[in-house]
Structures are given as structure tokens and as C-alpha cells.
């Protein structure tokens, strides 16, 4: 059974000012998400599951189902605010999604095989998806073996300002994740070093080859069963807080601390790039055009 690619595409795009998941970045109108799917097909994935919102479900289905027909199986799952673990009913007034942990959980009836999780608006590269497919295929029978594909910090910086990154803390073997340390305001300074934090005594220098998480995870379907009680606990204690969200790294940390899973850290030398603000678009377009010029992708991806 081939692994599945889950794409988290239910974000509201408030900072971008629109539906960035569908915006055109490639020369033939491709979205970033198109390149991830193209790479997943080449890498050997058998299915793609889009996690979306009801208000743009029809648009997603109309765009992606025809172009992917005959290439890879597709499914569309709503991150419905009311789709919650049994025993919990939310009676508040909320429009913000419950977070990436909930976004993964809502697909529990759709996915029965090992699966990868990525963001819709991030470019990961073929080799990262190839590594992910190999890990998931080789560990399909092991319910307690997960992975993350990490990137070298130097390959994830922005020329347009500072970034926030989750730095992977690994065990003594250097192979398995102990946790993800959030670092903010990361940028390369004129002295050539990479700093995190404000420009004062609290700042730290980061190794440019530090491995950082870009929300690319590999899970056995056991993840759904393991994460559900954590999601329920989150809802019971934090659902009343307007900005609260249940994130994948929080769930993973709890599983690691309980020795419930091992998370192997795979590394990619790809140059990651993504889009958060409108000003990011020209840079993303430039990077995609460069990859096309280098022969990594055809100019018209699906022709």
C-alpha cells in the first residue's frame, strides 16, 4: 500500500490577504501546492488528501480533481469546527480553526495507511518527499515509528526580514527527535552569523547547519488514536480561549515524553521557501522559475 500525502490547506490567509493556497506562482498558473503534488507522484505516493474549509471546498475540487484524475487518487476533508472527539461539544463563538493537530485528526476516517503531512503554502522539494516516502514505506508495520524531514537553517532564511523557526533537538545518536525549540526573530547579520532574538543580551547565535522543522511529518495511522485524547484534553482546558490552537509539535512532544513513539529526524538539503505575506510572492516566483531553468520541473507542470 502506497503512503498518502496530507496537505494542510485550511488556513485563512489573513496575513496574505487572500487564498494563497490557490494563488498562481508558476509560469503556467501553478500554485505551490501543485509542485508538492507533482513531487509526491514522482516519489511514489498513492493518494493526496486535502484538508480544507467548507467555504472553498468547491473551488478546490473543481481545480484539483480534473488535473489529478488518472495521476493520483484524491480526497477532500473539511476541517469542520464542529468535528470534534466524542464527548465534547463546543458551544462558543469561534471562526479560527483549532490548529494543525486538529487538522490532521479530522482525516482519521479517510486515511488507513502511513501518511505524510505538509503545508499547502510551503515548497519542500522532490528529495524531501522521496525520503519521506521511503521512510513510510519501510516502516509501514511499525505503529510507533514516526519521522520528520528537517531543513538546514541556512536554507530557510529570508532576504526580506527575520523568521521564526523550530530548531530540532536530537538525542545523543543524532537520529531521533527529543523536541522542537521555538526560536524567533532569526536573521543573518552583517558579520555573517545567524542570530535569534532581539539585538540585546538575550540574543543567541545559531549554527547555520542547525536542523529546523518546517512542519513536514511522517506518521503511521496510529497517530489518530494517540492524538485524540490529547485533542480532547486541549478542548476541555483551552477551547474557551479565543486564540488557542492545538499544534502538531505539541502532540508529538507529549508522545515523545511518554515514550509512546520514536521520531526519526531526516534531513533535506533542499532550499525551502514559502509564502506568508504578499511581498513574498516575487521571491517564490523567482525560485520556481530558477528550478524550471535548471530542469527540475517542466514549464507547464500538468500538460
Protein backbone atom coordinates (compact mmCIF):
# COMPACT_ATOMS: atom_id res chain seq x y z
CA UNK A 1 0.00 0.00 0.00
CA UNK A 2 1.46 3.34 -1.05
CA UNK A 3 1.71 6.17 1.50
CA UNK A 4 -0.68 9.12 1.41
CA UNK A 5 0.21 12.80 1.28
CA UNK A 6 -1.91 15.01 3.52
CA UNK A 7 -1.84 18.70 2.62
CA UNK A 8 -2.94 21.21 5.25
CA UNK A 9 -4.79 23.83 3.24
CA UNK A 10 -7.45 25.15 5.61
CA UNK A 11 -5.56 28.30 6.62
CA UNK A 12 -7.45 31.57 6.45
CA UNK A 13 -4.63 33.53 4.75
CA UNK A 14 -5.34 36.66 6.77
CA UNK A 15 -1.77 37.98 6.54
CA UNK A 16 -1.57 37.22 2.83
CA UNK A 17 -4.87 38.89 2.06
CA UNK A 18 -6.36 36.01 0.11
CA UNK A 19 -6.41 32.31 -0.64
CA UNK A 20 -2.68 31.81 -1.01
CA UNK A 21 -3.16 28.04 -1.27
CA UNK A 22 -4.60 28.61 -4.74
CA UNK A 23 -2.63 31.64 -5.88
CA UNK A 24 -0.55 31.31 -9.06
CA UNK A 25 3.23 31.17 -8.60
CA UNK A 26 4.36 29.04 -11.55
CA UNK A 27 4.58 30.31 -15.14
CA UNK A 28 1.51 28.32 -16.18
CA UNK A 29 -0.59 29.31 -13.19
CA UNK A 30 0.64 26.63 -10.78
CA UNK A 31 0.20 27.10 -7.05
CA UNK A 32 2.95 25.99 -4.67
CA UNK A 33 0.74 23.04 -3.79
CA UNK A 34 0.96 21.81 -7.40
CA UNK A 35 4.71 21.29 -7.11
CA UNK A 36 4.32 19.29 -3.89
CA UNK A 37 1.76 17.01 -5.52
CA UNK A 38 3.89 16.63 -8.66
CA UNK A 39 6.87 15.64 -6.50
CA UNK A 40 4.73 13.27 -4.40
CA UNK A 41 3.58 11.41 -7.52
CA UNK A 42 7.19 11.06 -8.71
CA UNK A 43 8.26 9.91 -5.25
CA UNK A 44 5.67 7.11 -5.15
CA UNK A 45 2.76 8.39 -3.06
CA UNK A 46 -0.58 6.84 -3.97
CA UNK A 47 -3.09 9.36 -2.67
CA UNK A 48 -3.38 13.01 -1.73
CA UNK A 49 -5.79 14.25 0.94
CA UNK A 50 -6.57 17.96 1.07
CA UNK A 51 -7.57 19.38 4.45
CA UNK A 52 -9.72 22.38 3.55
CA UNK A 53 -12.60 24.56 4.72
CA UNK A 54 -16.17 24.25 3.51
CA UNK A 55 -16.27 27.79 2.12
CA UNK A 56 -13.69 26.99 -0.58
CA UNK A 57 -14.23 23.23 -0.94
CA UNK A 58 -15.96 23.56 -4.30
CA UNK A 59 -13.12 25.67 -5.68
CA UNK A 60 -10.51 23.10 -4.58
CA UNK A 61 -12.44 20.18 -6.05
CA UNK A 62 -13.00 21.97 -9.37
CA UNK A 63 -9.33 22.88 -9.72
CA UNK A 64 -7.53 19.78 -8.48
CA UNK A 65 -9.75 16.81 -9.28
CA UNK A 66 -9.62 17.23 -13.09
CA UNK A 67 -5.87 17.89 -13.28
CA UNK A 68 -5.04 14.95 -10.99
CA UNK A 69 -7.52 12.48 -12.47
CA UNK A 70 -5.63 9.38 -13.57
CA UNK A 71 -2.41 10.57 -11.87
CA UNK A 72 -3.16 10.08 -8.17
CA UNK A 73 -6.19 9.35 -6.01
CA UNK A 74 -7.64 12.46 -4.35
CA UNK A 75 -9.83 13.16 -1.33
CA UNK A 76 -11.08 16.37 0.26
CA UNK A 77 -11.74 16.62 4.00
CA UNK A 78 -13.23 19.64 5.73
CA UNK A 79 -11.60 20.92 8.89
CA UNK A 80 -15.05 21.44 10.33
CA UNK A 81 -15.17 23.43 13.57
CA UNK A 82 -17.82 21.06 14.89
CA UNK A 83 -15.93 17.85 14.05
CA UNK A 84 -14.57 17.04 17.50
CA UNK A 85 -13.87 13.95 19.61
CA UNK A 86 -16.88 12.16 21.05
CA UNK A 87 -17.87 13.58 24.40
CA UNK A 88 -17.08 17.20 23.62
CA UNK A 89 -19.37 19.86 22.21
CA UNK A 90 -18.19 23.40 21.64
CA UNK A 91 -20.89 25.99 22.27
CA UNK A 92 -18.79 29.13 21.90
CA UNK A 93 -18.44 31.59 19.06
CA UNK A 94 -15.27 30.87 17.09
CA UNK A 95 -14.16 31.18 13.46
CA UNK A 96 -10.43 30.41 13.86
CA UNK A 97 -9.51 26.75 13.12
CA UNK A 98 -8.45 24.56 16.03
CA UNK A 99 -4.87 24.22 14.75
CA UNK A 100 -2.73 21.75 12.83
CA UNK A 101 -3.20 18.91 15.31
CA UNK A 102 -6.94 19.05 14.81
CA UNK A 103 -6.46 19.44 11.04
CA UNK A 104 -4.68 16.08 10.92
CA UNK A 105 -7.16 14.36 13.25
CA UNK A 106 -10.21 15.22 11.10
CA UNK A 107 -8.93 12.86 8.38
CA UNK A 108 -8.95 9.78 10.61
CA UNK A 109 -11.77 8.11 8.64
CA UNK A 110 -10.13 8.85 5.29
CA UNK A 111 -6.57 7.60 5.91
CA UNK A 112 -5.75 4.00 6.84
CA UNK A 113 -2.14 3.87 5.60
CA UNK A 114 1.13 5.64 6.57
CA UNK A 115 0.96 9.29 5.61
CA UNK A 116 2.99 12.46 5.33
CA UNK A 117 1.81 15.89 6.43
CA UNK A 118 2.87 19.14 4.75
CA UNK A 119 1.68 22.74 4.50
CA UNK A 120 -0.03 23.87 1.30
CA UNK A 121 1.92 27.13 1.07
CA UNK A 122 5.44 25.75 1.59
CA UNK A 123 7.79 24.38 -1.07
CA UNK A 124 9.63 21.28 0.17
CA UNK A 125 11.33 19.81 -2.91
CA UNK A 126 11.43 16.38 -4.50
CA UNK A 127 14.21 14.84 -2.42
CA UNK A 128 12.34 15.60 0.81
CA UNK A 129 9.22 13.82 -0.41
CA UNK A 130 11.31 10.95 -1.74
CA UNK A 131 12.94 10.48 1.68
CA UNK A 132 9.54 10.65 3.33
CA UNK A 133 8.06 8.03 1.02
CA UNK A 134 10.96 5.67 1.66
CA UNK A 135 10.64 6.01 5.44
CA UNK A 136 6.88 5.48 5.44
CA UNK A 137 7.12 2.50 3.10
CA UNK A 138 9.91 0.86 5.11
CA UNK A 139 8.15 1.37 8.46
CA UNK A 140 4.57 0.64 7.45
CA UNK A 141 4.28 -2.17 10.00
CA UNK A 142 5.66 -0.17 12.93
CA UNK A 143 2.93 1.81 14.68
CA UNK A 144 5.36 3.63 16.97
CA UNK A 145 7.82 4.91 14.34
CA UNK A 146 7.28 8.42 13.01
CA UNK A 147 9.61 10.86 11.31
CA UNK A 148 10.14 14.49 10.40
CA UNK A 149 12.04 15.85 7.42
CA UNK A 150 14.04 18.81 8.64
CA UNK A 151 15.97 21.52 6.79
CA UNK A 152 19.27 23.22 7.41
CA UNK A 153 18.59 26.61 8.95
CA UNK A 154 20.73 28.41 6.36
CA UNK A 155 18.42 27.11 3.63
CA UNK A 156 15.27 28.51 5.24
CA UNK A 157 16.22 32.16 5.87
CA UNK A 158 14.50 35.09 4.21
CA UNK A 159 16.08 38.02 2.42
CA UNK A 160 13.11 40.14 3.43
CA UNK A 161 13.41 40.05 7.21
CA UNK A 162 13.63 37.80 10.24
CA UNK A 163 11.86 34.44 10.54
CA UNK A 164 10.70 32.15 13.30
CA UNK A 165 11.84 28.54 13.25
CA UNK A 166 11.50 25.42 15.36
CA UNK A 167 15.02 24.08 15.96
CA UNK A 168 15.13 20.29 16.27
CA UNK A 169 16.72 18.99 19.45
CA UNK A 170 18.03 15.47 18.81
CA UNK A 171 19.19 12.68 21.10
CA UNK A 172 22.79 11.58 21.64
CA UNK A 173 22.70 9.45 18.47
CA UNK A 174 21.76 12.48 16.40
CA UNK A 175 18.98 10.47 14.76
CA UNK A 176 15.89 10.91 16.89
CA UNK A 177 13.87 13.94 17.93
CA UNK A 178 13.80 14.99 21.56
CA UNK A 179 11.78 18.13 20.96
CA UNK A 180 11.42 21.30 18.92
CA UNK A 181 12.76 24.54 20.40
CA UNK A 182 10.99 27.62 19.06
CA UNK A 183 13.33 30.45 18.09
CA UNK A 184 12.06 33.86 16.99
CA UNK A 185 13.46 36.79 15.01
CA UNK A 186 16.11 34.73 13.23
CA UNK A 187 18.25 36.57 10.68
CA UNK A 188 21.78 36.66 9.32
CA UNK A 189 23.62 39.79 10.49
CA UNK A 190 26.34 41.77 8.65
CA UNK A 191 29.01 39.77 10.49
CA UNK A 192 27.78 36.66 8.67
CA UNK A 193 26.42 34.92 11.75
CA UNK A 194 22.81 33.87 12.30
CA UNK A 195 21.18 35.37 15.37
CA UNK A 196 17.87 34.67 17.09
CA UNK A 197 16.09 37.01 19.45
CA UNK A 198 16.28 40.77 19.96
CA UNK A 199 19.56 42.62 19.43
CA UNK A 200 20.48 42.68 23.09
CA UNK A 201 21.95 40.43 25.75
CA UNK A 202 19.16 37.86 25.22
CA UNK A 203 20.07 37.05 21.63
CA UNK A 204 21.73 33.75 20.71
CA UNK A 205 23.90 32.68 17.81
CA UNK A 206 22.55 29.70 15.91
CA UNK A 207 24.52 27.16 13.89
CA UNK A 208 23.68 27.67 10.22
CA UNK A 209 23.55 23.89 9.86
CA UNK A 210 21.06 23.51 12.71
CA UNK A 211 18.13 21.35 11.64
CA UNK A 212 14.76 23.08 11.74
CA UNK A 213 11.24 21.75 11.43
CA UNK A 214 9.11 23.08 8.57
CA UNK A 215 6.01 21.10 9.55
CA UNK A 216 6.79 18.07 7.40
CA UNK A 217 5.87 14.95 9.35
CA UNK A 218 5.56 11.24 8.63
CA UNK A 219 3.02 9.23 10.62
CA UNK A 220 1.64 5.74 10.96
CA UNK A 221 -2.20 5.76 11.12
CA UNK A 222 -1.76 5.00 14.84
CA UNK A 223 -1.32 8.77 15.14
CA UNK A 224 -5.08 9.29 15.05
CA UNK A 225 -5.70 7.07 18.06
CA UNK A 226 -2.77 8.52 20.00
CA UNK A 227 -3.64 12.16 19.35
CA UNK A 228 -7.37 12.01 20.06
CA UNK A 229 -7.18 12.07 23.90
CA UNK A 230 -4.67 14.94 23.67
CA UNK A 231 -7.04 16.89 21.44
CA UNK A 232 -9.89 16.22 23.83
CA UNK A 233 -7.83 17.44 26.78
CA UNK A 234 -6.89 20.58 24.85
CA UNK A 235 -10.52 21.31 24.07
CA UNK A 236 -11.62 20.76 27.66
CA UNK A 237 -8.98 23.14 29.02
CA UNK A 238 -8.42 25.72 26.29
CA UNK A 239 -11.41 25.79 23.92
CA UNK A 240 -12.76 28.86 25.73
CA UNK A 241 -9.60 30.83 24.85
CA UNK A 242 -10.16 32.73 21.58
CA UNK A 243 -6.66 32.31 20.15
CA UNK A 244 -5.88 28.81 21.39
CA UNK A 245 -4.71 26.20 18.86
CA UNK A 246 -3.65 22.57 19.10
CA UNK A 247 -0.39 22.15 17.18
CA UNK A 248 1.28 19.02 15.81
CA UNK A 249 4.62 19.67 17.65
CA UNK A 250 2.78 19.85 20.99
CA UNK A 251 1.21 16.46 20.38
CA UNK A 252 4.50 14.97 19.22
CA UNK A 253 6.30 16.30 22.29
CA UNK A 254 3.77 14.65 24.58
CA UNK A 255 4.16 11.34 22.75
CA UNK A 256 7.96 11.51 22.93
CA UNK A 257 7.91 12.38 26.63
CA UNK A 258 5.66 9.37 27.27
CA UNK A 259 7.98 7.09 25.23
CA UNK A 260 4.97 6.27 23.05
CA UNK A 261 6.78 6.89 19.76
CA UNK A 262 10.19 7.49 18.25
CA UNK A 263 10.53 10.30 15.72
CA UNK A 264 13.45 9.90 13.33
CA UNK A 265 14.94 13.16 12.08
CA UNK A 266 15.63 13.04 8.35
CA UNK A 267 17.47 15.97 6.77
CA UNK A 268 16.98 17.64 3.42
CA UNK A 269 19.44 19.87 1.60
CA UNK A 270 16.65 21.43 -0.44
CA UNK A 271 16.14 25.18 -0.27
CA UNK A 272 12.81 25.61 1.47
CA UNK A 273 10.66 28.61 0.67
CA UNK A 274 7.11 29.61 1.45
CA UNK A 275 4.65 32.45 1.39
CA UNK A 276 3.16 34.34 4.31
CA UNK A 277 2.87 37.93 3.09
CA UNK A 278 2.07 39.41 -0.36
CA UNK A 279 5.69 40.65 -0.62
CA UNK A 280 6.86 37.00 -0.56
CA UNK A 281 5.29 36.25 -3.93
CA UNK A 282 8.00 37.67 -6.27
CA UNK A 283 10.72 35.73 -4.44
CA UNK A 284 8.75 32.47 -4.63
CA UNK A 285 8.12 33.02 -8.34
CA UNK A 286 11.82 33.68 -8.88
CA UNK A 287 12.81 30.46 -7.09
CA UNK A 288 10.33 28.38 -9.06
CA UNK A 289 11.49 29.86 -12.36
CA UNK A 290 15.08 29.06 -11.41
CA UNK A 291 14.16 25.43 -10.72
CA UNK A 292 12.43 25.26 -14.09
CA UNK A 293 15.52 26.72 -15.79
CA UNK A 294 17.64 24.10 -14.04
CA UNK A 295 15.42 21.35 -15.43
CA UNK A 296 13.81 20.30 -12.14
CA UNK A 297 10.28 20.95 -13.43
CA UNK A 298 8.60 21.46 -16.78
CA UNK A 299 7.32 24.95 -17.56
CA UNK A 300 3.74 23.65 -17.73
CA UNK A 301 3.53 21.21 -14.85
CA UNK A 302 0.43 19.23 -15.80
CA UNK A 303 0.45 19.39 -19.61
